[in-house]
Amino acid sequence: MRSAWTLVLALLAGAHISVFAQSTGTVTGTVKSAATQEALVGATVRIEGTKLGGYTNSKGEFT
């Protein structure tokens, strides 16, 4: 019986940790040419170390 309680507590502790590891948020910004300061349309924006990303719009903005 004691090992069953140990397993239950271990599973609950693991679930608690994984909830905090999945934080969410929004990243926004504008991509411009360093030379001309013009908006870069269709530029790829990625979050390093993840598979998350997107593209800039007609104003060089991304969300």
PDB file of N, CA and C in Angstrom:
ATOM      1  N   MET A   1       0.824  -1.197   0.000  1.00  0.00           N
ATOM      2  CA  MET A   1       0.000   0.000   0.000  1.00  0.00           C
ATOM      3  C   MET A   1       0.864   1.255   0.000  1.00  0.00           C
ATOM      4  N   ARG A   2       1.984   1.190   0.712  1.00  0.00           N
ATOM      5  CA  ARG A   2       2.858   2.357   0.791  1.00  0.00           C
ATOM      6  C   ARG A   2       3.430   2.715  -0.584  1.00  0.00           C
ATOM      7  N   SER A   3       3.790   1.708  -1.377  1.00  0.00           N
ATOM      8  CA  SER A   3       4.342   1.983  -2.704  1.00  0.00           C
ATOM      9  C   SER A   3       3.288   2.574  -3.633  1.00  0.00           C
ATOM     10  N   ALA A   4       2.020   2.233  -3.428  1.00  0.00           N
ATOM     11  CA  ALA A   4       0.944   2.816  -4.232  1.00  0.00           C
ATOM     12  C   ALA A   4       0.824   4.308  -3.946  1.00  0.00           C
ATOM     13  N   TRP A   5       0.902   4.692  -2.680  1.00  0.00           N
ATOM     14  CA  TRP A   5       0.838   6.106  -2.320  1.00  0.00           C
ATOM     15  C   TRP A   5       2.058   6.862  -2.852  1.00  0.00           C
ATOM     16  N   THR A   6       3.202   6.223  -2.812  1.00  0.00           N
ATOM     17  CA  THR A   6       4.412   6.845  -3.344  1.00  0.00           C
ATOM     18  C   THR A   6       4.253   7.105  -4.837  1.00  0.00           C
ATOM     19  N   LEU A   7       3.685   6.156  -5.557  1.00  0.00           N
ATOM     20  CA  LEU A   7       3.455   6.323  -6.988  1.00  0.00           C
ATOM     21  C   LEU A   7       2.472   7.453  -7.256  1.00  0.00           C
ATOM     22  N   VAL A   8       1.386   7.504  -6.503  1.00  0.00           N
ATOM     23  CA  VAL A   8       0.389   8.566  -6.672  1.00  0.00           C
ATOM     24  C   VAL A   8       1.015   9.932  -6.417  1.00  0.00           C
ATOM     25  N   LEU A   9       1.777  10.062  -5.357  1.00  0.00           N
ATOM     26  CA  LEU A   9       2.425  11.339  -5.049  1.00  0.00           C
ATOM     27  C   LEU A   9       3.432  11.731  -6.128  1.00  0.00           C
ATOM     28  N   ALA A  10       4.164  10.764  -6.649  1.00  0.00           N
ATOM     29  CA  ALA A  10       5.132  11.047  -7.711  1.00  0.00           C
ATOM     30  C   ALA A  10       4.427  11.525  -8.975  1.00  0.00           C
ATOM     31  N   LEU A  11       3.310  10.902  -9.322  1.00  0.00           N
ATOM     32  CA  LEU A  11       2.552  11.324 -10.504  1.00  0.00           C
ATOM     33  C   LEU A  11       1.983  12.729 -10.328  1.00  0.00           C
ATOM     34  N   LEU A  12       1.465  13.025  -9.155  1.00  0.00           N
ATOM     35  CA  LEU A  12       0.935  14.365  -8.897  1.00  0.00           C
ATOM     36  C   LEU A  12       2.034  15.419  -8.954  1.00  0.00           C
ATOM     37  N   ALA A  13       3.191  15.108  -8.421  1.00  0.00           N
ATOM     38  CA  ALA A  13       4.312  16.050  -8.461  1.00  0.00           C
ATOM     39  C   ALA A  13       4.756  16.282  -9.897  1.00  0.00           C
ATOM     40  N   GLY A  14       4.803  15.234 -10.696  1.00  0.00           N
ATOM     41  CA  GLY A  14       5.186  15.367 -12.099  1.00  0.00           C
ATOM     42  C   GLY A  14       4.184  16.191 -12.887  1.00  0.00           C
ATOM     43  N   ALA A  15       2.895  16.007 -12.626  1.00  0.00           N
ATOM     44  CA  ALA A  15       1.861  16.786 -13.305  1.00  0.00           C
ATOM     45  C   ALA A  15       1.972  18.254 -12.935  1.00  0.00           C
ATOM     46  N   HIS A  16       2.290  18.535 -11.697  1.00  0.00           N
ATOM     47  CA  HIS A  16       2.434  19.910 -11.223  1.00  0.00           C
ATOM     48  C   HIS A  16       3.571  20.619 -11.959  1.00  0.00           C
ATOM     49  N   ILE A  17       4.679  19.944 -12.142  1.00  0.00           N
ATOM     50  CA  ILE A  17       5.834  20.533 -12.827  1.00  0.00           C
ATOM     51  C   ILE A  17       5.521  20.784 -14.293  1.00  0.00           C
ATOM     52  N   SER A  18       4.853  19.852 -14.972  1.00  0.00           N
ATOM     53  CA  SER A  18       4.582  20.019 -16.397  1.00  0.00           C
ATOM     54  C   SER A  18       3.606  21.155 -16.669  1.00  0.00           C
ATOM     55  N   VAL A  19       2.722  21.465 -15.740  1.00  0.00           N
ATOM     56  CA  VAL A  19       1.798  22.582 -15.917  1.00  0.00           C
ATOM     57  C   VAL A  19       2.567  23.894 -16.004  1.00  0.00           C
ATOM     58  N   PHE A  20       3.572  24.075 -15.170  1.00  0.00           N
ATOM     59  CA  PHE A  20       4.338  25.305 -15.190  1.00  0.00           C
ATOM     60  C   PHE A  20       5.283  25.382 -16.380  1.00  0.00           C
ATOM     61  N   ALA A  21       5.655  24.268 -16.954  1.00  0.00           N
ATOM     62  CA  ALA A  21       6.574  24.256 -18.088  1.00  0.00           C
ATOM     63  C   ALA A  21       5.888  24.691 -19.374  1.00  0.00           C
ATOM     64  N   GLN A  22       4.576  24.773 -19.384  1.00  0.00           N
ATOM     65  CA  GLN A  22       3.841  25.104 -20.591  1.00  0.00           C
ATOM     66  C   GLN A  22       3.272  26.514 -20.532  1.00  0.00           C
ATOM     67  N   SER A  23       4.090  27.479 -20.167  1.00  0.00           N
ATOM     68  CA  SER A  23       3.610  28.848 -20.117  1.00  0.00           C
ATOM     69  C   SER A  23       3.387  29.365 -21.533  1.00  0.00           C
ATOM     70  N   THR A  24       2.482  30.311 -21.664  1.00  0.00           N
ATOM     71  CA  THR A  24       2.156  30.864 -22.973  1.00  0.00           C
ATOM     72  C   THR A  24       2.375  32.364 -22.968  1.00  0.00           C
ATOM     73  N   GLY A  25       2.435  32.925 -24.146  1.00  0.00           N
ATOM     74  CA  GLY A  25       2.599  34.356 -24.291  1.00  0.00           C
ATOM     75  C   GLY A  25       2.521  34.738 -25.754  1.00  0.00           C
ATOM     76  N   THR A  26       2.689  36.006 -26.023  1.00  0.00           N
ATOM     77  CA  THR A  26       2.648  36.517 -27.386  1.00  0.00           C
ATOM     78  C   THR A  26       3.907  37.317 -27.650  1.00  0.00           C
ATOM     79  N   VAL A  27       4.498  37.067 -28.799  1.00  0.00           N
ATOM     80  CA  VAL A  27       5.678  37.814 -29.226  1.00  0.00           C
ATOM     81  C   VAL A  27       5.263  38.659 -30.418  1.00  0.00           C
ATOM     82  N   THR A  28       5.524  39.960 -30.353  1.00  0.00           N
ATOM     83  CA  THR A  28       5.181  40.854 -31.457  1.00  0.00           C
ATOM     84  C   THR A  28       6.379  41.723 -31.803  1.00  0.00           C
ATOM     85  N   GLY A  29       6.384  42.250 -33.008  1.00  0.00           N
ATOM     86  CA  GLY A  29       7.468  43.130 -33.408  1.00  0.00           C
ATOM     87  C   GLY A  29       7.385  43.504 -34.867  1.00  0.00           C
ATOM     88  N   THR A  30       8.405  44.201 -35.328  1.00  0.00           N
ATOM     89  CA  THR A  30       8.507  44.637 -36.716  1.00  0.00           C
ATOM     90  C   THR A  30       9.900  44.318 -37.221  1.00  0.00           C
ATOM     91  N   VAL A  31       9.976  43.822 -38.457  1.00  0.00           N
ATOM     92  CA  VAL A  31      11.262  43.514 -39.076  1.00  0.00           C
ATOM     93  C   VAL A  31      11.506  44.536 -40.174  1.00  0.00           C
ATOM     94  N   LYS A  32      12.654  45.238 -40.066  1.00  0.00           N
ATOM     95  CA  LYS A  32      13.011  46.259 -41.056  1.00  0.00           C
ATOM     96  C   LYS A  32      14.408  46.006 -41.585  1.00  0.00           C
ATOM     97  N   SER A  33      14.651  46.488 -42.787  1.00  0.00           N
ATOM     98  CA  SER A  33      15.979  46.402 -43.382  1.00  0.00           C
ATOM     99  C   SER A  33      16.934  47.296 -42.602  1.00  0.00           C
ATOM    100  N   ALA A  34      18.108  46.783 -42.292  1.00  0.00           N
ATOM    101  CA  ALA A  34      19.103  47.588 -41.578  1.00  0.00           C
ATOM    102  C   ALA A  34      19.604  48.730 -42.451  1.00  0.00           C
ATOM    103  N   ALA A  35      19.659  48.514 -43.748  1.00  0.00           N
ATOM    104  CA  ALA A  35      20.200  49.526 -44.665  1.00  0.00           C
ATOM    105  C   ALA A  35      19.206  50.635 -44.970  1.00  0.00           C
ATOM    106  N   THR A  36      17.933  50.272 -45.220  1.00  0.00           N
ATOM    107  CA  THR A  36      16.957  51.263 -45.687  1.00  0.00           C
ATOM    108  C   THR A  36      15.854  51.573 -44.688  1.00  0.00           C
ATOM    109  N   GLN A  37      15.754  50.794 -43.612  1.00  0.00           N
ATOM    110  CA  GLN A  37      14.683  50.928 -42.613  1.00  0.00           C
ATOM    111  C   GLN A  37      13.297  50.644 -43.192  1.00  0.00           C
ATOM    112  N   GLU A  38      13.228  50.015 -44.368  1.00  0.00           N
ATOM    113  CA  GLU A  38      11.944  49.628 -44.953  1.00  0.00           C
ATOM    114  C   GLU A  38      11.488  48.304 -44.341  1.00  0.00           C
ATOM    115  N   ALA A  39      10.166  48.134 -44.240  1.00  0.00           N
ATOM    116  CA  ALA A  39       9.602  46.897 -43.694  1.00  0.00           C
ATOM    117  C   ALA A  39       9.942  45.723 -44.601  1.00  0.00           C
ATOM    118  N   LEU A  40      10.279  44.590 -43.989  1.00  0.00           N
ATOM    119  CA  LEU A  40      10.550  43.373 -44.754  1.00  0.00           C
ATOM    120  C   LEU A  40       9.285  42.518 -44.773  1.00  0.00           C
ATOM    121  N   VAL A  41       8.667  42.433 -45.938  1.00  0.00           N
ATOM    122  CA  VAL A  41       7.421  41.697 -46.118  1.00  0.00           C
ATOM    123  C   VAL A  41       7.726  40.212 -46.312  1.00  0.00           C
ATOM    124  N   GLY A  42       7.013  39.353 -45.600  1.00  0.00           N
ATOM    125  CA  GLY A  42       7.163  37.908 -45.760  1.00  0.00           C
ATOM    126  C   GLY A  42       8.409  37.322 -45.123  1.00  0.00           C
ATOM    127  N   ALA A  43       9.058  38.062 -44.238  1.00  0.00           N
ATOM    128  CA  ALA A  43      10.247  37.544 -43.552  1.00  0.00           C
ATOM    129  C   ALA A  43       9.833  36.460 -42.554  1.00  0.00           C
ATOM    130  N   THR A  44      10.642  35.430 -42.431  1.00  0.00           N
ATOM    131  CA  THR A  44      10.376  34.355 -41.476  1.00  0.00           C
ATOM    132  C   THR A  44      10.869  34.764 -40.096  1.00  0.00           C
ATOM    133  N   VAL A  45      10.012  34.598 -39.104  1.00  0.00           N
ATOM    134  CA  VAL A  45      10.361  34.899 -37.713  1.00  0.00           C
ATOM    135  C   VAL A  45      10.181  33.605 -36.922  1.00  0.00           C
ATOM    136  N   ARG A  46      11.229  33.191 -36.205  1.00  0.00           N
ATOM    137  CA  ARG A  46      11.156  31.950 -35.427  1.00  0.00           C
ATOM    138  C   ARG A  46      11.666  32.172 -34.018  1.00  0.00           C
ATOM    139  N   ILE A  47      11.127  31.387 -33.093  1.00  0.00           N
ATOM    140  CA  ILE A  47      11.606  31.400 -31.718  1.00  0.00           C
ATOM    141  C   ILE A  47      12.653  30.304 -31.607  1.00  0.00           C
ATOM    142  N   GLU A  48      13.873  30.706 -31.349  1.00  0.00           N
ATOM    143  CA  GLU A  48      14.999  29.775 -31.298  1.00  0.00           C
ATOM    144  C   GLU A  48      14.762  28.680 -30.265  1.00  0.00           C
ATOM    145  N   GLY A  49      15.083  27.469 -30.653  1.00  0.00           N
ATOM    146  CA  GLY A  49      14.933  26.341 -29.746  1.00  0.00           C
ATOM    147  C   GLY A  49      13.537  25.743 -29.720  1.00  0.00           C
ATOM    148  N   THR A  50      12.642  26.249 -30.572  1.00  0.00           N
ATOM    149  CA  THR A  50      11.276  25.717 -30.653  1.00  0.00           C
ATOM    150  C   THR A  50      10.914  25.506 -32.118  1.00  0.00           C
ATOM    151  N   LYS A  51       9.717  25.006 -32.330  1.00  0.00           N
ATOM    152  CA  LYS A  51       9.192  24.872 -33.689  1.00  0.00           C
ATOM    153  C   LYS A  51       8.186  25.985 -33.986  1.00  0.00           C
ATOM    154  N   LEU A  52       8.159  27.009 -33.146  1.00  0.00           N
ATOM    155  CA  LEU A  52       7.203  28.101 -33.293  1.00  0.00           C
ATOM    156  C   LEU A  52       7.759  29.184 -34.200  1.00  0.00           C
ATOM    157  N   GLY A  53       6.883  29.784 -34.998  1.00  0.00           N
ATOM    158  CA  GLY A  53       7.321  30.865 -35.864  1.00  0.00           C
ATOM    159  C   GLY A  53       6.185  31.363 -36.731  1.00  0.00           C
ATOM    160  N   GLY A  54       6.518  32.289 -37.605  1.00  0.00           N
ATOM    161  CA  GLY A  54       5.533  32.858 -38.512  1.00  0.00           C
ATOM    162  C   GLY A  54       6.213  33.759 -39.519  1.00  0.00           C
ATOM    163  N   TYR A  55       5.407  34.580 -40.185  1.00  0.00           N
ATOM    164  CA  TYR A  55       5.906  35.470 -41.224  1.00  0.00           C
ATOM    165  C   TYR A  55       5.437  36.891 -40.953  1.00  0.00           C
ATOM    166  N   THR A  56       6.173  37.853 -41.476  1.00  0.00           N
ATOM    167  CA  THR A  56       5.770  39.247 -41.335  1.00  0.00           C
ATOM    168  C   THR A  56       4.689  39.578 -42.359  1.00  0.00           C
ATOM    169  N   ASN A  57       3.858  40.556 -42.021  1.00  0.00           N
ATOM    170  CA  ASN A  57       2.795  40.986 -42.929  1.00  0.00           C
ATOM    171  C   ASN A  57       3.305  42.083 -43.867  1.00  0.00           C
ATOM    172  N   SER A  58       2.391  42.773 -44.537  1.00  0.00           N
ATOM    173  CA  SER A  58       2.763  43.799 -45.518  1.00  0.00           C
ATOM    174  C   SER A  58       3.429  45.015 -44.885  1.00  0.00           C
ATOM    175  N   LYS A  59       3.333  45.147 -43.560  1.00  0.00           N
ATOM    176  CA  LYS A  59       3.987  46.252 -42.850  1.00  0.00           C
ATOM    177  C   LYS A  59       5.246  45.788 -42.122  1.00  0.00           C
ATOM    178  N   GLY A  60       5.627  44.527 -42.313  1.00  0.00           N
ATOM    179  CA  GLY A  60       6.798  43.980 -41.628  1.00  0.00           C
ATOM    180  C   GLY A  60       6.523  43.568 -40.195  1.00  0.00           C
ATOM    181  N   GLU A  61       5.249  43.526 -39.810  1.00  0.00           N
ATOM    182  CA  GLU A  61       4.869  43.202 -38.430  1.00  0.00           C
ATOM    183  C   GLU A  61       4.604  41.706 -38.276  1.00  0.00           C
ATOM    184  N   PHE A  62       4.869  41.195 -37.081  1.00  0.00           N
ATOM    185  CA  PHE A  62       4.564  39.797 -36.771  1.00  0.00           C
ATOM    186  C   PHE A  62       3.992  39.699 -35.372  1.00  0.00           C
ATOM    187  N   THR A  63       3.194  38.651 -35.170  1.00  0.00           N
ATOM    188  CA  THR A  63       2.614  38.356 -33.855  1.00  0.00           C
ATOM    189  C   THR A  63       2.710  36.875 -33.608  1.00  0.00           C
TER     190      THR A  63
END
